[in-house]
Full PDB file with SEQRES, HELIX, SHEET, SSBOND, CRYST1, ORIGX, SCALE, CONECT and MASTER records, all heavy atoms in Angstrom:
SEQRES   1 A   44  TRP LEU LYS ALA THR ALA LEU ASN LEU ASP PHE ASN LEU          
SEQRES   2 A   44  ILE SER PRO VAL GLU SER MET VAL ASP ASN ALA ALA PHE          
SEQRES   3 A   44  CYS SER LEU PHE GLY LEU PRO ALA GLY ARG TYR GLY PHE          
SEQRES   4 A   44  HIS ALA CYS ILE LEU                                          
HELIX    1 AA1 LEU A    2  ALA A    6  1                                   5    
HELIX    2 AA2 SER A   15  ASP A   22  5                                   8    
HELIX    3 AA3 ALA A   24  LEU A   29  1                                   6    
SHEET    1 AA1 2 ASN A  12  LEU A  13  0                                        
SHEET    2 AA1 2 CYS A  42  ILE A  43 -1                                        
CRYST1    1.000    1.000    1.000  90.00  90.00  90.00 P 1           1          
ORIGX1      1.000000  0.000000  0.000000        0.00000                         
ORIGX2      0.000000  1.000000  0.000000        0.00000                         
ORIGX3      0.000000  0.000000  1.000000        0.00000                         
SCALE1      1.000000  0.000000  0.000000        0.00000                         
SCALE2      0.000000  1.000000  0.000000        0.00000                         
SCALE3      0.000000  0.000000  1.000000        0.00000                         
ATOM      1  N   TRP A   1     104.325 119.761  73.277  1.00  0.00           N  
ATOM      2  CA  TRP A   1     104.393 118.387  72.857  1.00  0.00           C  
ATOM      3  C   TRP A   1     103.172 118.105  72.010  1.00  0.00           C  
ATOM      4  O   TRP A   1     103.226 117.395  70.943  1.00  0.00           O  
ATOM      5  CB  TRP A   1     104.498 117.502  74.004  1.00  0.00           C  
ATOM      6  CG  TRP A   1     104.898 116.123  73.806  1.00  0.00           C  
ATOM      7  CD1 TRP A   1     105.084 115.478  72.595  1.00  0.00           C  
ATOM      8  CD2 TRP A   1     105.297 115.148  74.742  1.00  0.00           C  
ATOM      9  NE1 TRP A   1     105.433 114.165  72.699  1.00  0.00           N  
ATOM     10  CE2 TRP A   1     105.714 113.955  74.085  1.00  0.00           C  
ATOM     11  CE3 TRP A   1     105.492 115.205  76.103  1.00  0.00           C  
ATOM     12  CZ2 TRP A   1     106.136 112.821  74.771  1.00  0.00           C  
ATOM     13  CZ3 TRP A   1     105.874 114.019  76.788  1.00  0.00           C  
ATOM     14  CH2 TRP A   1     106.176 112.871  76.090  1.00  0.00           C  
ATOM     15  N   LEU A   2     102.018 118.469  72.434  1.00  0.00           N  
ATOM     16  CA  LEU A   2     100.804 118.251  71.655  1.00  0.00           C  
ATOM     17  C   LEU A   2     100.863 118.945  70.286  1.00  0.00           C  
ATOM     18  O   LEU A   2     100.441 118.358  69.269  1.00  0.00           O  
ATOM     19  CB  LEU A   2      99.581 118.728  72.436  1.00  0.00           C  
ATOM     20  CG  LEU A   2      99.263 117.898  73.681  1.00  0.00           C  
ATOM     21  CD1 LEU A   2      98.159 118.583  74.569  1.00  0.00           C  
ATOM     22  CD2 LEU A   2      98.846 116.503  73.326  1.00  0.00           C  
ATOM     23  N   LYS A   3     101.285 120.182  70.291  1.00  0.00           N  
ATOM     24  CA  LYS A   3     101.382 120.914  68.985  1.00  0.00           C  
ATOM     25  C   LYS A   3     102.364 120.126  68.059  1.00  0.00           C  
ATOM     26  O   LYS A   3     102.183 120.029  66.828  1.00  0.00           O  
ATOM     27  CB  LYS A   3     101.817 122.285  69.206  1.00  0.00           C  
ATOM     28  CG  LYS A   3     101.834 123.188  67.885  1.00  0.00           C  
ATOM     29  CD  LYS A   3     100.513 123.213  67.196  1.00  0.00           C  
ATOM     30  CE  LYS A   3     100.624 124.158  66.064  1.00  0.00           C  
ATOM     31  NZ  LYS A   3      99.241 124.227  65.359  1.00  0.00           N  
ATOM     32  N   ALA A   4     103.622 119.796  68.594  1.00  0.00           N  
ATOM     33  CA  ALA A   4     104.549 119.099  67.832  1.00  0.00           C  
ATOM     34  C   ALA A   4     103.976 117.767  67.141  1.00  0.00           C  
ATOM     35  O   ALA A   4     104.099 117.512  66.009  1.00  0.00           O  
ATOM     36  CB  ALA A   4     105.734 118.653  68.678  1.00  0.00           C  
ATOM     37  N   THR A   5     103.143 116.982  68.020  1.00  0.00           N  
ATOM     38  CA  THR A   5     102.516 115.843  67.473  1.00  0.00           C  
ATOM     39  C   THR A   5     101.550 116.144  66.331  1.00  0.00           C  
ATOM     40  O   THR A   5     101.457 115.517  65.341  1.00  0.00           O  
ATOM     41  CB  THR A   5     101.703 115.191  68.597  1.00  0.00           C  
ATOM     42  OG1 THR A   5     102.644 114.861  69.720  1.00  0.00           O  
ATOM     43  CG2 THR A   5     101.064 113.846  68.106  1.00  0.00           C  
ATOM     44  N   ALA A   6     100.720 117.279  66.480  1.00  0.00           N  
ATOM     45  CA  ALA A   6      99.910 117.729  65.444  1.00  0.00           C  
ATOM     46  C   ALA A   6     100.548 118.086  64.159  1.00  0.00           C  
ATOM     47  O   ALA A   6     100.007 117.973  63.052  1.00  0.00           O  
ATOM     48  CB  ALA A   6      99.054 118.821  65.958  1.00  0.00           C  
ATOM     49  N   LEU A   7     101.858 118.514  64.272  1.00  0.00           N  
ATOM     50  CA  LEU A   7     102.678 118.918  63.078  1.00  0.00           C  
ATOM     51  C   LEU A   7     103.434 117.719  62.596  1.00  0.00           C  
ATOM     52  O   LEU A   7     104.347 117.882  61.745  1.00  0.00           O  
ATOM     53  CB  LEU A   7     103.572 120.016  63.489  1.00  0.00           C  
ATOM     54  CG  LEU A   7     102.921 121.381  63.790  1.00  0.00           C  
ATOM     55  CD1 LEU A   7     103.952 122.355  64.380  1.00  0.00           C  
ATOM     56  CD2 LEU A   7     102.248 121.945  62.537  1.00  0.00           C  
ATOM     57  N   ASN A   8     103.226 116.522  63.144  1.00  0.00           N  
ATOM     58  CA  ASN A   8     103.963 115.322  62.671  1.00  0.00           C  
ATOM     59  C   ASN A   8     105.416 115.444  63.002  1.00  0.00           C  
ATOM     60  O   ASN A   8     106.300 114.920  62.266  1.00  0.00           O  
ATOM     61  CB  ASN A   8     103.786 115.022  61.243  1.00  0.00           C  
ATOM     62  CG  ASN A   8     102.338 114.676  60.892  1.00  0.00           C  
ATOM     63  OD1 ASN A   8     101.646 113.860  61.554  1.00  0.00           O  
ATOM     64  ND2 ASN A   8     101.854 115.397  59.869  1.00  0.00           N  
ATOM     65  N   LEU A   9     105.829 116.177  64.073  1.00  0.00           N  
ATOM     66  CA  LEU A   9     107.152 116.210  64.609  1.00  0.00           C  
ATOM     67  C   LEU A   9     107.218 115.261  65.764  1.00  0.00           C  
ATOM     68  O   LEU A   9     106.193 115.049  66.561  1.00  0.00           O  
ATOM     69  CB  LEU A   9     107.449 117.649  65.103  1.00  0.00           C  
ATOM     70  CG  LEU A   9     107.604 118.651  63.912  1.00  0.00           C  
ATOM     71  CD1 LEU A   9     107.733 120.027  64.535  1.00  0.00           C  
ATOM     72  CD2 LEU A   9     108.834 118.370  63.110  1.00  0.00           C  
ATOM     73  N   ASP A  10     108.459 114.842  66.111  1.00  0.00           N  
ATOM     74  CA  ASP A  10     108.712 114.011  67.301  1.00  0.00           C  
ATOM     75  C   ASP A  10     109.342 114.840  68.418  1.00  0.00           C  
ATOM     76  O   ASP A  10     110.003 115.949  68.055  1.00  0.00           O  
ATOM     77  CB  ASP A  10     109.546 112.836  66.954  1.00  0.00           C  
ATOM     78  CG  ASP A  10     108.768 111.842  66.051  1.00  0.00           C  
ATOM     79  OD1 ASP A  10     107.686 111.337  66.571  1.00  0.00           O  
ATOM     80  OD2 ASP A  10     109.152 111.677  64.873  1.00  0.00           O  
ATOM     81  N   PHE A  11     109.333 114.336  69.584  1.00  0.00           N  
ATOM     82  CA  PHE A  11     109.611 115.253  70.719  1.00  0.00           C  
ATOM     83  C   PHE A  11     110.286 114.463  71.830  1.00  0.00           C  
ATOM     84  O   PHE A  11     110.059 113.250  72.039  1.00  0.00           O  
ATOM     85  CB  PHE A  11     108.205 115.682  71.247  1.00  0.00           C  
ATOM     86  CG  PHE A  11     108.282 116.948  72.231  1.00  0.00           C  
ATOM     87  CD1 PHE A  11     108.102 118.236  71.708  1.00  0.00           C  
ATOM     88  CD2 PHE A  11     108.397 116.691  73.555  1.00  0.00           C  
ATOM     89  CE1 PHE A  11     108.084 119.297  72.600  1.00  0.00           C  
ATOM     90  CE2 PHE A  11     108.324 117.791  74.441  1.00  0.00           C  
ATOM     91  CZ  PHE A  11     108.189 119.043  73.933  1.00  0.00           C  
ATOM     92  N   ASN A  12     111.293 115.137  72.497  1.00  0.00           N  
ATOM     93  CA  ASN A  12     111.965 114.494  73.716  1.00  0.00           C  
ATOM     94  C   ASN A  12     112.068 115.564  74.779  1.00  0.00           C  
ATOM     95  O   ASN A  12     112.465 116.674  74.448  1.00  0.00           O  
ATOM     96  CB  ASN A  12     113.288 113.912  73.255  1.00  0.00           C  
ATOM     97  CG  ASN A  12     113.921 113.147  74.425  1.00  0.00           C  
ATOM     98  OD1 ASN A  12     114.459 113.756  75.386  1.00  0.00           O  
ATOM     99  ND2 ASN A  12     113.881 111.798  74.297  1.00  0.00           N  
ATOM    100  N   LEU A  13     111.807 115.195  75.976  1.00  0.00           N  
ATOM    101  CA  LEU A  13     112.053 116.088  77.053  1.00  0.00           C  
ATOM    102  C   LEU A  13     113.474 115.898  77.577  1.00  0.00           C  
ATOM    103  O   LEU A  13     114.025 114.829  77.785  1.00  0.00           O  
ATOM    104  CB  LEU A  13     111.048 115.723  78.171  1.00  0.00           C  
ATOM    105  CG  LEU A  13     109.614 115.991  77.975  1.00  0.00           C  
ATOM    106  CD1 LEU A  13     108.833 115.416  79.046  1.00  0.00           C  
ATOM    107  CD2 LEU A  13     109.376 117.504  77.862  1.00  0.00           C  
ATOM    108  N   ILE A  14     114.189 117.047  77.864  1.00  0.00           N  
ATOM    109  CA  ILE A  14     115.470 117.052  78.378  1.00  0.00           C  
ATOM    110  C   ILE A  14     115.386 117.414  79.871  1.00  0.00           C  
ATOM    111  O   ILE A  14     115.746 118.521  80.363  1.00  0.00           O  
ATOM    112  CB  ILE A  14     116.410 117.937  77.652  1.00  0.00           C  
ATOM    113  CG1 ILE A  14     116.326 117.677  76.116  1.00  0.00           C  
ATOM    114  CG2 ILE A  14     117.904 117.753  78.111  1.00  0.00           C  
ATOM    115  CD1 ILE A  14     116.708 116.282  75.732  1.00  0.00           C  
ATOM    116  N   SER A  15     114.995 116.467  80.759  1.00  0.00           N  
ATOM    117  CA  SER A  15     114.686 116.697  82.092  1.00  0.00           C  
ATOM    118  C   SER A  15     115.882 117.134  82.990  1.00  0.00           C  
ATOM    119  O   SER A  15     115.780 117.950  83.945  1.00  0.00           O  
ATOM    120  CB  SER A  15     114.055 115.508  82.766  1.00  0.00           C  
ATOM    121  OG  SER A  15     112.810 115.225  82.116  1.00  0.00           O  
ATOM    122  N   PRO A  16     117.110 116.672  82.695  1.00  0.00           N  
ATOM    123  CA  PRO A  16     118.286 117.152  83.463  1.00  0.00           C  
ATOM    124  C   PRO A  16     118.453 118.660  83.524  1.00  0.00           C  
ATOM    125  O   PRO A  16     119.159 119.190  84.455  1.00  0.00           O  
ATOM    126  CB  PRO A  16     119.472 116.465  82.725  1.00  0.00           C  
ATOM    127  CG  PRO A  16     118.942 115.219  82.203  1.00  0.00           C  
ATOM    128  CD  PRO A  16     117.627 115.655  81.654  1.00  0.00           C  
ATOM    129  N   VAL A  17     117.915 119.369  82.530  1.00  0.00           N  
ATOM    130  CA  VAL A  17     118.050 120.761  82.531  1.00  0.00           C  
ATOM    131  C   VAL A  17     117.387 121.506  83.705  1.00  0.00           C  
ATOM    132  O   VAL A  17     117.741 122.542  84.121  1.00  0.00           O  
ATOM    133  CB  VAL A  17     117.584 121.361  81.071  1.00  0.00           C  
ATOM    134  CG1 VAL A  17     117.458 122.885  81.166  1.00  0.00           C  
ATOM    135  CG2 VAL A  17     118.500 120.900  80.062  1.00  0.00           C  
ATOM    136  N   GLU A  18     116.434 120.782  84.285  1.00  0.00           N  
ATOM    137  CA  GLU A  18     115.730 121.332  85.454  1.00  0.00           C  
ATOM    138  C   GLU A  18     116.722 121.616  86.561  1.00  0.00           C  
ATOM    139  O   GLU A  18     116.459 122.572  87.423  1.00  0.00           O  
ATOM    140  CB  GLU A  18     114.637 120.290  85.990  1.00  0.00           C  
ATOM    141  CG  GLU A  18     113.421 120.216  85.153  1.00  0.00           C  
ATOM    142  CD  GLU A  18     112.418 119.286  85.782  1.00  0.00           C  
ATOM    143  OE1 GLU A  18     112.739 118.160  86.076  1.00  0.00           O  
ATOM    144  OE2 GLU A  18     111.332 119.719  86.060  1.00  0.00           O  
ATOM    145  N   SER A  19     117.753 120.908  86.638  1.00  0.00           N  
ATOM    146  CA  SER A  19     118.660 121.075  87.758  1.00  0.00           C  
ATOM    147  C   SER A  19     119.753 122.205  87.556  1.00  0.00           C  
ATOM    148  O   SER A  19     120.661 122.255  88.351  1.00  0.00           O  
ATOM    149  CB  SER A  19     119.307 119.710  88.129  1.00  0.00           C  
ATOM    150  OG  SER A  19     120.170 119.320  87.046  1.00  0.00           O  
ATOM    151  N   MET A  20     119.698 122.830  86.445  1.00  0.00           N  
ATOM    152  CA  MET A  20     120.631 123.868  86.103  1.00  0.00           C  
ATOM    153  C   MET A  20     120.400 125.249  86.640  1.00  0.00           C  
ATOM    154  O   MET A  20     121.036 126.246  86.340  1.00  0.00           O  
ATOM    155  CB  MET A  20     120.823 123.968  84.587  1.00  0.00           C  
ATOM    156  CG  MET A  20     121.024 122.594  83.895  1.00  0.00           C  
ATOM    157  SD  MET A  20     122.490 121.778  84.392  1.00  0.00           S  
ATOM    158  CE  MET A  20     123.756 122.592  83.427  1.00  0.00           C  
ATOM    159  N   VAL A  21     119.389 125.308  87.597  1.00  0.00           N  
ATOM    160  CA  VAL A  21     118.985 126.691  88.097  1.00  0.00           C  
ATOM    161  C   VAL A  21     120.146 127.507  88.642  1.00  0.00           C  
ATOM    162  O   VAL A  21     120.240 128.666  88.390  1.00  0.00           O  
ATOM    163  CB  VAL A  21     117.931 126.448  89.186  1.00  0.00           C  
ATOM    164  CG1 VAL A  21     117.546 127.759  89.842  1.00  0.00           C  
ATOM    165  CG2 VAL A  21     116.627 125.854  88.623  1.00  0.00           C  
ATOM    166  N   ASP A  22     120.990 126.789  89.437  1.00  0.00           N  
ATOM    167  CA  ASP A  22     122.095 127.579  90.058  1.00  0.00           C  
ATOM    168  C   ASP A  22     123.408 127.368  89.351  1.00  0.00           C  
ATOM    169  O   ASP A  22     124.490 127.638  89.989  1.00  0.00           O  
ATOM    170  CB  ASP A  22     122.144 127.132  91.592  1.00  0.00           C  
ATOM    171  CG  ASP A  22     120.987 127.422  92.388  1.00  0.00           C  
ATOM    172  OD1 ASP A  22     120.585 128.599  92.278  1.00  0.00           O  
ATOM    173  OD2 ASP A  22     120.479 126.519  93.014  1.00  0.00           O  
ATOM    174  N   ASN A  23     123.372 126.762  88.270  1.00  0.00           N  
ATOM    175  CA  ASN A  23     124.609 126.505  87.449  1.00  0.00           C  
ATOM    176  C   ASN A  23     125.018 127.807  86.680  1.00  0.00           C  
ATOM    177  O   ASN A  23     124.425 128.200  85.649  1.00  0.00           O  
ATOM    178  CB  ASN A  23     124.475 125.348  86.442  1.00  0.00           C  
ATOM    179  CG  ASN A  23     125.706 124.935  85.819  1.00  0.00           C  
ATOM    180  OD1 ASN A  23     126.444 125.706  85.299  1.00  0.00           O  
ATOM    181  ND2 ASN A  23     126.036 123.677  85.920  1.00  0.00           N  
ATOM    182  N   ALA A  24     125.974 128.570  87.278  1.00  0.00           N  
ATOM    183  CA  ALA A  24     126.342 129.916  86.661  1.00  0.00           C  
ATOM    184  C   ALA A  24     126.758 129.775  85.251  1.00  0.00           C  
ATOM    185  O   ALA A  24     126.427 130.705  84.347  1.00  0.00           O  
ATOM    186  CB  ALA A  24     127.371 130.581  87.548  1.00  0.00           C  
ATOM    187  N   ALA A  25     127.576 128.790  84.895  1.00  0.00           N  
ATOM    188  CA  ALA A  25     128.103 128.638  83.525  1.00  0.00           C  
ATOM    189  C   ALA A  25     126.986 128.390  82.537  1.00  0.00           C  
ATOM    190  O   ALA A  25     126.946 128.974  81.489  1.00  0.00           O  
ATOM    191  CB  ALA A  25     129.083 127.523  83.502  1.00  0.00           C  
ATOM    192  N   PHE A  26     126.030 127.572  82.923  1.00  0.00           N  
ATOM    193  CA  PHE A  26     124.839 127.333  82.103  1.00  0.00           C  
ATOM    194  C   PHE A  26     124.036 128.547  81.840  1.00  0.00           C  
ATOM    195  O   PHE A  26     123.653 128.948  80.712  1.00  0.00           O  
ATOM    196  CB  PHE A  26     124.065 126.146  82.627  1.00  0.00           C  
ATOM    197  CG  PHE A  26     122.815 125.784  81.816  1.00  0.00           C  
ATOM    198  CD1 PHE A  26     122.955 124.852  80.820  1.00  0.00           C  
ATOM    199  CD2 PHE A  26     121.604 126.255  82.015  1.00  0.00           C  
ATOM    200  CE1 PHE A  26     121.931 124.497  79.986  1.00  0.00           C  
ATOM    201  CE2 PHE A  26     120.417 125.866  81.233  1.00  0.00           C  
ATOM    202  CZ  PHE A  26     120.723 125.022  80.252  1.00  0.00           C  
ATOM    203  N   CYS A  27     123.678 129.168  83.046  1.00  0.00           N  
ATOM    204  CA  CYS A  27     122.891 130.415  82.919  1.00  0.00           C  
ATOM    205  C   CYS A  27     123.508 131.476  82.008  1.00  0.00           C  
ATOM    206  O   CYS A  27     122.867 132.253  81.290  1.00  0.00           O  
ATOM    207  CB  CYS A  27     122.597 130.957  84.300  1.00  0.00           C  
ATOM    208  SG  CYS A  27     121.537 129.870  85.393  1.00  0.00           S  
ATOM    209  N   SER A  28     124.865 131.664  82.157  1.00  0.00           N  
ATOM    210  CA  SER A  28     125.509 132.637  81.423  1.00  0.00           C  
ATOM    211  C   SER A  28     125.497 132.464  79.896  1.00  0.00           C  
ATOM    212  O   SER A  28     125.575 133.375  79.078  1.00  0.00           O  
ATOM    213  CB  SER A  28     127.028 132.735  81.839  1.00  0.00           C  
ATOM    214  OG  SER A  28     127.724 131.594  81.531  1.00  0.00           O  
ATOM    215  N   LEU A  29     125.284 131.169  79.469  1.00  0.00           N  
ATOM    216  CA  LEU A  29     125.107 130.932  77.972  1.00  0.00           C  
ATOM    217  C   LEU A  29     124.011 131.669  77.398  1.00  0.00           C  
ATOM    218  O   LEU A  29     123.985 132.034  76.219  1.00  0.00           O  
ATOM    219  CB  LEU A  29     124.965 129.420  77.815  1.00  0.00           C  
ATOM    220  CG  LEU A  29     126.158 128.459  78.125  1.00  0.00           C  
ATOM    221  CD1 LEU A  29     125.721 127.062  77.874  1.00  0.00           C  
ATOM    222  CD2 LEU A  29     127.343 128.779  77.242  1.00  0.00           C  
ATOM    223  N   PHE A  30     122.958 131.830  78.229  1.00  0.00           N  
ATOM    224  CA  PHE A  30     121.702 132.578  77.826  1.00  0.00           C  
ATOM    225  C   PHE A  30     121.623 133.959  78.357  1.00  0.00           C  
ATOM    226  O   PHE A  30     120.522 134.595  78.202  1.00  0.00           O  
ATOM    227  CB  PHE A  30     120.505 131.664  78.184  1.00  0.00           C  
ATOM    228  CG  PHE A  30     120.657 130.232  77.858  1.00  0.00           C  
ATOM    229  CD1 PHE A  30     120.956 129.259  78.734  1.00  0.00           C  
ATOM    230  CD2 PHE A  30     120.492 129.861  76.513  1.00  0.00           C  
ATOM    231  CE1 PHE A  30     121.163 127.931  78.328  1.00  0.00           C  
ATOM    232  CE2 PHE A  30     120.613 128.559  76.167  1.00  0.00           C  
ATOM    233  CZ  PHE A  30     120.924 127.587  76.991  1.00  0.00           C  
ATOM    234  N   GLY A  31     122.645 134.452  78.920  1.00  0.00           N  
ATOM    235  CA  GLY A  31     122.635 135.783  79.384  1.00  0.00           C  
ATOM    236  C   GLY A  31     121.745 136.081  80.645  1.00  0.00           C  
ATOM    237  O   GLY A  31     121.191 137.136  80.853  1.00  0.00           O  
ATOM    238  N   LEU A  32     121.514 134.990  81.379  1.00  0.00           N  
ATOM    239  CA  LEU A  32     120.604 135.053  82.618  1.00  0.00           C  
ATOM    240  C   LEU A  32     121.385 134.922  83.880  1.00  0.00           C  
ATOM    241  O   LEU A  32     122.380 134.138  83.923  1.00  0.00           O  
ATOM    242  CB  LEU A  32     119.589 133.959  82.498  1.00  0.00           C  
ATOM    243  CG  LEU A  32     118.621 134.028  81.296  1.00  0.00           C  
ATOM    244  CD1 LEU A  32     117.706 132.773  81.312  1.00  0.00           C  
ATOM    245  CD2 LEU A  32     117.757 135.341  81.276  1.00  0.00           C  
ATOM    246  N   PRO A  33     121.004 135.464  85.040  1.00  0.00           N  
ATOM    247  CA  PRO A  33     121.647 135.308  86.195  1.00  0.00           C  
ATOM    248  C   PRO A  33     121.320 134.017  86.893  1.00  0.00           C  
ATOM    249  O   PRO A  33     120.168 133.487  86.736  1.00  0.00           O  
ATOM    250  CB  PRO A  33     121.036 136.535  87.137  1.00  0.00           C  
ATOM    251  CG  PRO A  33     119.681 136.761  86.545  1.00  0.00           C  
ATOM    252  CD  PRO A  33     119.793 136.553  85.074  1.00  0.00           C  
ATOM    253  N   ALA A  34     122.281 133.485  87.589  1.00  0.00           N  
ATOM    254  CA  ALA A  34     122.073 132.148  88.188  1.00  0.00           C  
ATOM    255  C   ALA A  34     121.103 132.257  89.389  1.00  0.00           C  
ATOM    256  O   ALA A  34     120.995 133.292  90.108  1.00  0.00           O  
ATOM    257  CB  ALA A  34     123.466 131.620  88.743  1.00  0.00           C  
ATOM    258  N   GLY A  35     120.231 131.261  89.512  1.00  0.00           N  
ATOM    259  CA  GLY A  35     119.350 131.147  90.664  1.00  0.00           C  
ATOM    260  C   GLY A  35     118.020 131.893  90.475  1.00  0.00           C  
ATOM    261  O   GLY A  35     117.126 131.778  91.296  1.00  0.00           O  
ATOM    262  N   ARG A  36     117.850 132.700  89.336  1.00  0.00           N  
ATOM    263  CA  ARG A  36     116.618 133.418  89.212  1.00  0.00           C  
ATOM    264  C   ARG A  36     115.654 132.808  88.267  1.00  0.00           C  
ATOM    265  O   ARG A  36     114.512 133.216  88.225  1.00  0.00           O  
ATOM    266  CB  ARG A  36     117.039 134.823  88.667  1.00  0.00           C  
ATOM    267  CG  ARG A  36     117.900 135.640  89.597  1.00  0.00           C  
ATOM    268  CD  ARG A  36     117.215 135.924  90.887  1.00  0.00           C  
ATOM    269  NE  ARG A  36     118.072 136.677  91.807  1.00  0.00           N  
ATOM    270  CZ  ARG A  36     118.035 138.032  91.881  1.00  0.00           C  
ATOM    271  NH1 ARG A  36     117.320 138.724  91.041  1.00  0.00           N  
ATOM    272  NH2 ARG A  36     118.840 138.678  92.728  1.00  0.00           N  
ATOM    273  N   TYR A  37     116.092 131.854  87.459  1.00  0.00           N  
ATOM    274  CA  TYR A  37     115.223 131.288  86.415  1.00  0.00           C  
ATOM    275  C   TYR A  37     115.246 129.741  86.527  1.00  0.00           C  
ATOM    276  O   TYR A  37     116.260 129.126  86.780  1.00  0.00           O  
ATOM    277  CB  TYR A  37     115.726 131.637  84.980  1.00  0.00           C  
ATOM    278  CG  TYR A  37     115.440 133.070  84.634  1.00  0.00           C  
ATOM    279  CD1 TYR A  37     116.280 134.131  85.077  1.00  0.00           C  
ATOM    280  CD2 TYR A  37     114.299 133.488  83.914  1.00  0.00           C  
ATOM    281  CE1 TYR A  37     116.038 135.413  84.776  1.00  0.00           C  
ATOM    282  CE2 TYR A  37     114.060 134.786  83.590  1.00  0.00           C  
ATOM    283  CZ  TYR A  37     114.942 135.811  84.106  1.00  0.00           C  
ATOM    284  OH  TYR A  37     114.678 137.106  83.779  1.00  0.00           O  
ATOM    285  N   GLY A  38     114.003 129.154  86.413  1.00  0.00           N  
ATOM    286  CA  GLY A  38     113.934 127.757  86.346  1.00  0.00           C  
ATOM    287  C   GLY A  38     114.014 127.331  84.790  1.00  0.00           C  
ATOM    288  O   GLY A  38     113.669 128.098  83.904  1.00  0.00           O  
ATOM    289  N   PHE A  39     114.505 126.085  84.543  1.00  0.00           N  
ATOM    290  CA  PHE A  39     114.802 125.661  83.198  1.00  0.00           C  
ATOM    291  C   PHE A  39     114.128 124.373  82.898  1.00  0.00           C  
ATOM    292  O   PHE A  39     113.887 123.474  83.800  1.00  0.00           O  
ATOM    293  CB  PHE A  39     116.267 125.471  82.942  1.00  0.00           C  
ATOM    294  CG  PHE A  39     117.096 126.714  82.922  1.00  0.00           C  
ATOM    295  CD1 PHE A  39     117.807 127.094  84.146  1.00  0.00           C  
ATOM    296  CD2 PHE A  39     117.055 127.550  81.911  1.00  0.00           C  
ATOM    297  CE1 PHE A  39     118.533 128.308  84.174  1.00  0.00           C  
ATOM    298  CE2 PHE A  39     117.874 128.773  81.897  1.00  0.00           C  
ATOM    299  CZ  PHE A  39     118.586 129.101  83.027  1.00  0.00           C  
ATOM    300  N   HIS A  40     113.773 124.129  81.630  1.00  0.00           N  
ATOM    301  CA  HIS A  40     113.388 122.876  81.103  1.00  0.00           C  
ATOM    302  C   HIS A  40     113.788 122.983  79.627  1.00  0.00           C  
ATOM    303  O   HIS A  40     114.183 123.963  79.053  1.00  0.00           O  
ATOM    304  CB  HIS A  40     111.981 122.447  81.309  1.00  0.00           C  
ATOM    305  CG  HIS A  40     111.811 120.969  81.518  1.00  0.00           C  
ATOM    306  ND1 HIS A  40     112.326 120.077  80.638  1.00  0.00           N  
ATOM    307  CD2 HIS A  40     111.248 120.364  82.528  1.00  0.00           C  
ATOM    308  CE1 HIS A  40     111.950 118.887  81.099  1.00  0.00           C  
ATOM    309  NE2 HIS A  40     111.331 118.976  82.225  1.00  0.00           N  
ATOM    310  N   ALA A  41     113.831 121.851  78.878  1.00  0.00           N  
ATOM    311  CA  ALA A  41     114.152 121.827  77.468  1.00  0.00           C  
ATOM    312  C   ALA A  41     113.541 120.692  76.768  1.00  0.00           C  
ATOM    313  O   ALA A  41     113.136 119.622  77.384  1.00  0.00           O  
ATOM    314  CB  ALA A  41     115.659 121.791  77.369  1.00  0.00           C  
ATOM    315  N   CYS A  42     113.513 120.734  75.464  1.00  0.00           N  
ATOM    316  CA  CYS A  42     112.956 119.680  74.657  1.00  0.00           C  
ATOM    317  C   CYS A  42     113.761 119.642  73.332  1.00  0.00           C  
ATOM    318  O   CYS A  42     114.373 120.604  72.978  1.00  0.00           O  
ATOM    319  CB  CYS A  42     111.440 119.839  74.366  1.00  0.00           C  
ATOM    320  SG  CYS A  42     111.061 121.387  73.477  1.00  0.00           S  
ATOM    321  N   ILE A  43     113.578 118.499  72.634  1.00  0.00           N  
ATOM    322  CA  ILE A  43     114.186 118.224  71.344  1.00  0.00           C  
ATOM    323  C   ILE A  43     113.002 118.149  70.416  1.00  0.00           C  
ATOM    324  O   ILE A  43     112.114 117.382  70.589  1.00  0.00           O  
ATOM    325  CB  ILE A  43     115.074 117.118  71.296  1.00  0.00           C  
ATOM    326  CG1 ILE A  43     116.237 117.093  72.254  1.00  0.00           C  
ATOM    327  CG2 ILE A  43     115.611 116.841  69.839  1.00  0.00           C  
ATOM    328  CD1 ILE A  43     117.276 118.079  71.950  1.00  0.00           C  
ATOM    329  N   LEU A  44     113.117 118.814  69.205  1.00  0.00           N  
ATOM    330  CA  LEU A  44     112.164 118.612  68.140  1.00  0.00           C  
ATOM    331  C   LEU A  44     112.858 117.980  66.851  1.00  0.00           C  
ATOM    332  O   LEU A  44     114.063 118.303  66.703  1.00  0.00           O  
ATOM    333  CB  LEU A  44     111.604 119.950  67.654  1.00  0.00           C  
ATOM    334  CG  LEU A  44     110.687 120.757  68.571  1.00  0.00           C  
ATOM    335  CD1 LEU A  44     110.224 122.017  67.816  1.00  0.00           C  
ATOM    336  CD2 LEU A  44     109.471 119.901  68.921  1.00  0.00           C  
TER     337      LEU A  44                                                      
MASTER        0    0    0    3    2    0    0    6  336    1    0    4          
END                                                                             
């Protein structure tokens, strides 16, 4: 977020992604097993 600000980019946090840890369909989009990875996301 700080780097984006320094580059004159705007930023948004996608906090609902935090709860996708055990969502098998979501994890499979990225080729990852469910339950093994924590998630977060942002928009630039």
